[in-house]
Amino acid sequence: MKSLGHMLATAVVSIGLFAQGAASVAAAAESQAASAPAATTIEFVIAKGRLVSGPSVVKVTQGDRVQVGVTSDAVDELHMHGYNLHLILKPGQRGLLDFVASKSGRFTFELHHADLELGALEVYPR
């Protein structure tokens, strides 16, 4: 039979190893979050079927995270050509596309109902 002191020492070592493992997992998660790409944010405002504000061209690097926010005064659908992404827009509500620019090239944003090209995303290879 093991002594109480031996059992306590084993428990302390086990707790220490568990704490080290938890610290390693936390450090790995923190490192991964720090290496995640910061998002490039694009904002478009549409009123009466016309672009009120927003850039005509946005340049990013392949692998970058991109967020496209759109506020419209009418129901419409944003389409990101080449990525085949769609976003249904409701009047007065900001819609958001959030994606990683995995393909290189030039890709346009278009509102389908207004038949309006908003701008382009240029994705350059790494």
N, C-alpha and C. Protein backbone atom coordinates (compact mmCIF):
# COMPACT_ATOMS: atom_id res chain seq x y z
N MET A 1 0.85 -1.18 0.00
CA MET A 1 0.00 0.00 0.00
C MET A 1 0.89 1.24 0.00
N LYS A 2 0.50 2.22 -0.79
CA LYS A 2 1.29 3.44 -0.92
C LYS A 2 0.98 4.38 0.23
N SER A 3 1.97 5.14 0.60
CA SER A 3 1.78 6.10 1.70
C SER A 3 0.98 7.29 1.21
N LEU A 4 0.40 7.98 2.16
CA LEU A 4 -0.37 9.19 1.85
C LEU A 4 0.51 10.24 1.18
N GLY A 5 1.75 10.37 1.61
CA GLY A 5 2.69 11.33 1.03
C GLY A 5 2.97 11.01 -0.43
N HIS A 6 3.14 9.71 -0.75
CA HIS A 6 3.41 9.29 -2.13
C HIS A 6 2.20 9.60 -3.02
N MET A 7 0.99 9.33 -2.49
CA MET A 7 -0.22 9.60 -3.27
C MET A 7 -0.39 11.10 -3.50
N LEU A 8 -0.09 11.92 -2.50
CA LEU A 8 -0.19 13.37 -2.67
C LEU A 8 0.83 13.87 -3.68
N ALA A 9 2.05 13.34 -3.62
CA ALA A 9 3.08 13.75 -4.58
C ALA A 9 2.67 13.39 -5.99
N THR A 10 2.08 12.21 -6.19
CA THR A 10 1.61 11.78 -7.51
C THR A 10 0.50 12.71 -7.99
N ALA A 11 -0.41 13.08 -7.10
CA ALA A 11 -1.51 13.96 -7.46
C ALA A 11 -0.98 15.34 -7.87
N VAL A 12 0.00 15.86 -7.14
CA VAL A 12 0.57 17.17 -7.46
C VAL A 12 1.25 17.14 -8.82
N VAL A 13 2.00 16.06 -9.11
CA VAL A 13 2.66 15.91 -10.41
C VAL A 13 1.61 15.84 -11.52
N SER A 14 0.54 15.08 -11.30
CA SER A 14 -0.51 14.95 -12.30
C SER A 14 -1.18 16.29 -12.58
N ILE A 15 -1.47 17.05 -11.53
CA ILE A 15 -2.08 18.36 -11.70
C ILE A 15 -1.14 19.29 -12.45
N GLY A 16 0.15 19.23 -12.13
CA GLY A 16 1.15 20.04 -12.82
C GLY A 16 1.21 19.71 -14.29
N LEU A 17 1.19 18.43 -14.64
CA LEU A 17 1.22 18.01 -16.04
C LEU A 17 -0.05 18.46 -16.76
N PHE A 18 -1.20 18.36 -16.09
CA PHE A 18 -2.46 18.80 -16.68
C PHE A 18 -2.41 20.30 -16.95
N ALA A 19 -1.90 21.07 -15.99
CA ALA A 19 -1.80 22.53 -16.16
C ALA A 19 -0.87 22.88 -17.31
N GLN A 20 0.25 22.15 -17.43
CA GLN A 20 1.17 22.41 -18.54
C GLN A 20 0.50 22.14 -19.88
N GLY A 21 -0.27 21.03 -19.94
CA GLY A 21 -0.99 20.70 -21.18
C GLY A 21 -2.01 21.76 -21.53
N ALA A 22 -2.75 22.25 -20.53
CA ALA A 22 -3.75 23.28 -20.76
C ALA A 22 -3.08 24.57 -21.23
N ALA A 23 -1.93 24.89 -20.62
CA ALA A 23 -1.21 26.10 -21.03
C ALA A 23 -0.71 25.97 -22.46
N SER A 24 -0.28 24.78 -22.85
CA SER A 24 0.19 24.57 -24.22
C SER A 24 -0.95 24.74 -25.22
N VAL A 25 -2.12 24.20 -24.89
CA VAL A 25 -3.29 24.34 -25.77
C VAL A 25 -3.68 25.81 -25.88
N ALA A 26 -3.69 26.53 -24.77
CA ALA A 26 -4.05 27.95 -24.78
C ALA A 26 -3.04 28.75 -25.60
N ALA A 27 -1.75 28.44 -25.45
CA ALA A 27 -0.71 29.15 -26.22
C ALA A 27 -0.85 28.87 -27.70
N ALA A 28 -1.18 27.64 -28.08
CA ALA A 28 -1.36 27.29 -29.49
C ALA A 28 -2.56 28.03 -30.08
N ALA A 29 -3.66 28.10 -29.32
CA ALA A 29 -4.85 28.81 -29.80
C ALA A 29 -4.56 30.31 -29.95
N GLU A 30 -3.81 30.88 -28.99
CA GLU A 30 -3.46 32.30 -29.06
C GLU A 30 -2.56 32.57 -30.26
N SER A 31 -1.62 31.67 -30.51
CA SER A 31 -0.71 31.82 -31.65
C SER A 31 -1.47 31.74 -32.96
N GLN A 32 -2.42 30.81 -33.04
CA GLN A 32 -3.21 30.65 -34.26
C GLN A 32 -4.07 31.90 -34.50
N ALA A 33 -4.65 32.45 -33.43
CA ALA A 33 -5.47 33.65 -33.57
C ALA A 33 -4.61 34.83 -34.02
N ALA A 34 -3.39 34.91 -33.50
CA ALA A 34 -2.51 36.01 -33.87
C ALA A 34 -2.06 35.91 -35.32
N SER A 35 -1.99 34.68 -35.86
CA SER A 35 -1.54 34.50 -37.24
C SER A 35 -2.69 34.54 -38.24
N ALA A 36 -3.94 34.58 -37.75
CA ALA A 36 -5.09 34.68 -38.65
C ALA A 36 -5.04 36.03 -39.36
N PRO A 37 -5.34 36.03 -40.66
CA PRO A 37 -5.25 37.29 -41.39
C PRO A 37 -6.26 38.31 -40.91
N ALA A 38 -5.82 39.55 -40.80
CA ALA A 38 -6.74 40.64 -40.46
C ALA A 38 -7.64 40.86 -41.68
N ALA A 39 -8.86 41.23 -41.43
CA ALA A 39 -9.81 41.40 -42.54
C ALA A 39 -9.64 42.75 -43.22
N THR A 40 -9.73 42.74 -44.54
CA THR A 40 -9.86 43.97 -45.32
C THR A 40 -11.35 44.22 -45.43
N THR A 41 -11.80 45.38 -44.97
CA THR A 41 -13.24 45.67 -44.96
C THR A 41 -13.57 46.66 -46.07
N ILE A 42 -14.60 46.33 -46.82
CA ILE A 42 -15.10 47.15 -47.92
C ILE A 42 -16.54 47.51 -47.57
N GLU A 43 -16.89 48.77 -47.70
CA GLU A 43 -18.26 49.20 -47.41
C GLU A 43 -18.86 49.88 -48.64
N PHE A 44 -20.05 49.43 -49.02
CA PHE A 44 -20.80 50.05 -50.11
C PHE A 44 -22.13 50.57 -49.56
N VAL A 45 -22.54 51.75 -50.03
CA VAL A 45 -23.87 52.28 -49.71
C VAL A 45 -24.57 52.56 -51.04
N ILE A 46 -25.79 52.02 -51.16
CA ILE A 46 -26.59 52.14 -52.38
C ILE A 46 -27.87 52.91 -52.06
N ALA A 47 -28.20 53.89 -52.89
CA ALA A 47 -29.45 54.64 -52.73
C ALA A 47 -30.04 54.91 -54.12
N LYS A 48 -31.32 54.63 -54.26
CA LYS A 48 -32.04 54.85 -55.52
C LYS A 48 -31.33 54.20 -56.71
N GLY A 49 -30.81 53.00 -56.49
CA GLY A 49 -30.19 52.25 -57.57
C GLY A 49 -28.81 52.73 -57.98
N ARG A 50 -28.20 53.62 -57.18
CA ARG A 50 -26.88 54.15 -57.51
C ARG A 50 -25.92 53.97 -56.33
N LEU A 51 -24.66 53.84 -56.65
CA LEU A 51 -23.61 53.74 -55.64
C LEU A 51 -23.38 55.13 -55.03
N VAL A 52 -23.62 55.25 -53.73
CA VAL A 52 -23.44 56.51 -53.02
C VAL A 52 -22.02 56.60 -52.47
N SER A 53 -21.53 55.50 -51.92
CA SER A 53 -20.15 55.49 -51.43
C SER A 53 -19.59 54.08 -51.48
N GLY A 54 -18.28 54.03 -51.66
CA GLY A 54 -17.58 52.76 -51.73
C GLY A 54 -16.47 52.84 -52.75
N PRO A 55 -15.44 52.04 -52.57
CA PRO A 55 -14.29 52.09 -53.48
C PRO A 55 -14.60 51.43 -54.82
N SER A 56 -13.93 51.88 -55.87
CA SER A 56 -14.13 51.25 -57.17
C SER A 56 -13.25 50.00 -57.31
N VAL A 57 -12.08 50.01 -56.67
CA VAL A 57 -11.19 48.85 -56.71
C VAL A 57 -10.56 48.66 -55.34
N VAL A 58 -10.53 47.40 -54.90
CA VAL A 58 -9.87 47.05 -53.65
C VAL A 58 -8.82 45.99 -53.97
N LYS A 59 -7.60 46.19 -53.47
CA LYS A 59 -6.50 45.25 -53.75
C LYS A 59 -6.14 44.50 -52.47
N VAL A 60 -6.09 43.16 -52.59
CA VAL A 60 -5.70 42.30 -51.48
C VAL A 60 -4.75 41.23 -52.00
N THR A 61 -4.20 40.47 -51.08
CA THR A 61 -3.31 39.36 -51.42
C THR A 61 -4.04 38.05 -51.20
N GLN A 62 -3.78 37.09 -52.06
CA GLN A 62 -4.39 35.77 -51.94
C GLN A 62 -4.19 35.24 -50.52
N GLY A 63 -5.27 34.75 -49.93
CA GLY A 63 -5.24 34.26 -48.57
C GLY A 63 -5.75 35.27 -47.56
N ASP A 64 -5.91 36.54 -47.98
CA ASP A 64 -6.43 37.58 -47.09
C ASP A 64 -7.92 37.35 -46.82
N ARG A 65 -8.34 37.73 -45.64
CA ARG A 65 -9.76 37.69 -45.30
C ARG A 65 -10.39 39.00 -45.77
N VAL A 66 -11.56 38.90 -46.37
CA VAL A 66 -12.25 40.07 -46.92
C VAL A 66 -13.66 40.12 -46.35
N GLN A 67 -14.07 41.31 -45.92
CA GLN A 67 -15.44 41.52 -45.46
C GLN A 67 -16.04 42.62 -46.32
N VAL A 68 -17.19 42.33 -46.91
CA VAL A 68 -17.88 43.29 -47.77
C VAL A 68 -19.21 43.62 -47.12
N GLY A 69 -19.34 44.87 -46.68
CA GLY A 69 -20.58 45.34 -46.08
C GLY A 69 -21.35 46.17 -47.09
N VAL A 70 -22.65 45.93 -47.19
CA VAL A 70 -23.48 46.67 -48.15
C VAL A 70 -24.77 47.11 -47.45
N THR A 71 -25.06 48.41 -47.60
CA THR A 71 -26.33 48.94 -47.11
C THR A 71 -27.06 49.52 -48.32
N SER A 72 -28.31 49.10 -48.49
CA SER A 72 -29.10 49.54 -49.64
C SER A 72 -30.46 50.03 -49.16
N ASP A 73 -31.07 50.91 -49.92
CA ASP A 73 -32.41 51.39 -49.57
C ASP A 73 -33.50 50.55 -50.23
N ALA A 74 -33.10 49.49 -50.94
CA ALA A 74 -34.08 48.63 -51.61
C ALA A 74 -33.63 47.16 -51.53
N VAL A 75 -34.58 46.27 -51.71
CA VAL A 75 -34.25 44.84 -51.77
C VAL A 75 -33.40 44.60 -53.00
N ASP A 76 -32.32 43.85 -52.84
CA ASP A 76 -31.47 43.52 -53.98
C ASP A 76 -30.62 42.30 -53.61
N GLU A 77 -29.77 41.91 -54.53
CA GLU A 77 -28.88 40.78 -54.29
C GLU A 77 -27.49 41.14 -54.79
N LEU A 78 -26.52 41.08 -53.88
CA LEU A 78 -25.13 41.30 -54.24
C LEU A 78 -24.55 39.98 -54.73
N HIS A 79 -23.82 40.06 -55.84
CA HIS A 79 -23.15 38.87 -56.37
C HIS A 79 -21.68 39.18 -56.54
N MET A 80 -20.83 38.31 -56.02
CA MET A 80 -19.38 38.43 -56.18
C MET A 80 -18.97 37.44 -57.25
N HIS A 81 -18.69 37.95 -58.45
CA HIS A 81 -18.33 37.10 -59.58
C HIS A 81 -17.00 36.39 -59.32
N GLY A 82 -16.86 35.18 -59.84
CA GLY A 82 -15.64 34.41 -59.69
C GLY A 82 -15.61 33.58 -58.42
N TYR A 83 -16.21 34.08 -57.37
CA TYR A 83 -16.32 33.34 -56.10
C TYR A 83 -17.72 32.77 -55.94
N ASN A 84 -18.65 33.24 -56.80
CA ASN A 84 -20.04 32.81 -56.77
C ASN A 84 -20.67 32.97 -55.38
N LEU A 85 -20.40 34.12 -54.77
CA LEU A 85 -20.98 34.44 -53.47
C LEU A 85 -22.17 35.37 -53.68
N HIS A 86 -23.23 35.15 -52.91
CA HIS A 86 -24.45 35.94 -53.02
C HIS A 86 -24.85 36.44 -51.64
N LEU A 87 -25.45 37.63 -51.63
CA LEU A 87 -25.93 38.21 -50.38
C LEU A 87 -27.25 38.91 -50.66
N ILE A 88 -28.31 38.48 -49.99
CA ILE A 88 -29.62 39.12 -50.13
C ILE A 88 -29.61 40.38 -49.26
N LEU A 89 -29.98 41.50 -49.88
CA LEU A 89 -30.00 42.78 -49.18
C LEU A 89 -31.42 43.20 -48.86
N LYS A 90 -31.62 43.69 -47.63
CA LYS A 90 -32.92 44.20 -47.19
C LYS A 90 -32.78 45.70 -46.96
N PRO A 91 -33.81 46.47 -47.29
CA PRO A 91 -33.72 47.93 -47.16
C PRO A 91 -33.31 48.38 -45.76
N GLY A 92 -32.27 49.24 -45.72
CA GLY A 92 -31.83 49.82 -44.47
C GLY A 92 -31.02 48.91 -43.56
N GLN A 93 -30.83 47.65 -43.96
CA GLN A 93 -30.07 46.71 -43.14
C GLN A 93 -28.73 46.41 -43.80
N ARG A 94 -27.67 46.47 -43.03
CA ARG A 94 -26.33 46.18 -43.56
C ARG A 94 -26.18 44.67 -43.72
N GLY A 95 -25.84 44.26 -44.95
CA GLY A 95 -25.53 42.86 -45.21
C GLY A 95 -24.02 42.69 -45.21
N LEU A 96 -23.53 41.48 -44.93
CA LEU A 96 -22.09 41.26 -44.84
C LEU A 96 -21.70 39.95 -45.49
N LEU A 97 -20.73 40.03 -46.41
CA LEU A 97 -20.05 38.85 -46.95
C LEU A 97 -18.70 38.77 -46.25
N ASP A 98 -18.33 37.61 -45.75
CA ASP A 98 -17.06 37.42 -45.06
C ASP A 98 -16.43 36.17 -45.65
N PHE A 99 -15.28 36.32 -46.32
CA PHE A 99 -14.66 35.19 -46.99
C PHE A 99 -13.15 35.37 -47.07
N VAL A 100 -12.46 34.31 -47.44
CA VAL A 100 -11.01 34.35 -47.66
C VAL A 100 -10.79 34.42 -49.17
N ALA A 101 -9.96 35.36 -49.60
CA ALA A 101 -9.65 35.54 -51.03
C ALA A 101 -8.71 34.42 -51.47
N SER A 102 -9.28 33.30 -51.81
CA SER A 102 -8.48 32.12 -52.15
C SER A 102 -8.06 32.07 -53.62
N LYS A 103 -8.76 32.79 -54.47
CA LYS A 103 -8.46 32.80 -55.91
C LYS A 103 -7.82 34.12 -56.28
N SER A 104 -6.79 34.07 -57.13
CA SER A 104 -6.19 35.32 -57.59
C SER A 104 -6.90 35.77 -58.88
N GLY A 105 -6.88 37.07 -59.12
CA GLY A 105 -7.51 37.63 -60.32
C GLY A 105 -8.31 38.87 -59.97
N ARG A 106 -9.13 39.29 -60.93
CA ARG A 106 -9.98 40.48 -60.74
C ARG A 106 -11.44 40.01 -60.73
N PHE A 107 -12.17 40.37 -59.69
CA PHE A 107 -13.54 39.89 -59.48
C PHE A 107 -14.44 41.09 -59.20
N THR A 108 -15.57 41.16 -59.90
CA THR A 108 -16.47 42.30 -59.73
C THR A 108 -17.60 41.98 -58.76
N PHE A 109 -18.09 43.07 -58.11
CA PHE A 109 -19.27 43.02 -57.27
C PHE A 109 -20.40 43.63 -58.06
N GLU A 110 -21.56 42.97 -58.06
CA GLU A 110 -22.69 43.47 -58.83
C GLU A 110 -23.98 43.33 -58.04
N LEU A 111 -24.85 44.34 -58.17
CA LEU A 111 -26.21 44.24 -57.64
C LEU A 111 -27.10 43.76 -58.78
N HIS A 112 -27.76 42.63 -58.59
CA HIS A 112 -28.53 42.02 -59.68
C HIS A 112 -29.78 42.81 -60.05
N HIS A 113 -30.59 43.19 -59.08
CA HIS A 113 -31.85 43.87 -59.41
C HIS A 113 -31.61 45.27 -59.98
N ALA A 114 -30.65 45.98 -59.42
CA ALA A 114 -30.34 47.33 -59.90
C ALA A 114 -29.46 47.27 -61.15
N ASP A 115 -28.95 46.07 -61.49
CA ASP A 115 -28.04 45.89 -62.62
C ASP A 115 -26.90 46.91 -62.53
N LEU A 116 -26.26 46.92 -61.34
CA LEU A 116 -25.24 47.91 -61.04
C LEU A 116 -23.94 47.23 -60.63
N GLU A 117 -22.86 47.52 -61.34
CA GLU A 117 -21.54 47.03 -60.94
C GLU A 117 -20.99 48.00 -59.90
N LEU A 118 -20.68 47.47 -58.71
CA LEU A 118 -20.23 48.32 -57.61
C LEU A 118 -18.73 48.60 -57.66
N GLY A 119 -17.97 47.60 -58.04
CA GLY A 119 -16.52 47.74 -58.03
C GLY A 119 -15.87 46.40 -58.26
N ALA A 120 -14.57 46.35 -58.00
CA ALA A 120 -13.82 45.12 -58.24
C ALA A 120 -12.87 44.84 -57.09
N LEU A 121 -12.64 43.56 -56.89
CA LEU A 121 -11.66 43.07 -55.93
C LEU A 121 -10.50 42.49 -56.76
N GLU A 122 -9.31 43.02 -56.58
CA GLU A 122 -8.13 42.48 -57.24
C GLU A 122 -7.34 41.69 -56.22
N VAL A 123 -7.20 40.39 -56.50
CA VAL A 123 -6.50 39.49 -55.58
C VAL A 123 -5.17 39.10 -56.23
N TYR A 124 -4.09 39.50 -55.58
CA TYR A 124 -2.74 39.23 -56.09
C TYR A 124 -2.17 37.97 -55.43
N PRO A 125 -1.45 37.13 -56.20
CA PRO A 125 -0.89 35.90 -55.64
C PRO A 125 0.14 36.22 -54.54
N ARG A 126 0.28 35.31 -53.62
CA ARG A 126 1.30 35.43 -52.55
C ARG A 126 2.66 35.19 -53.12
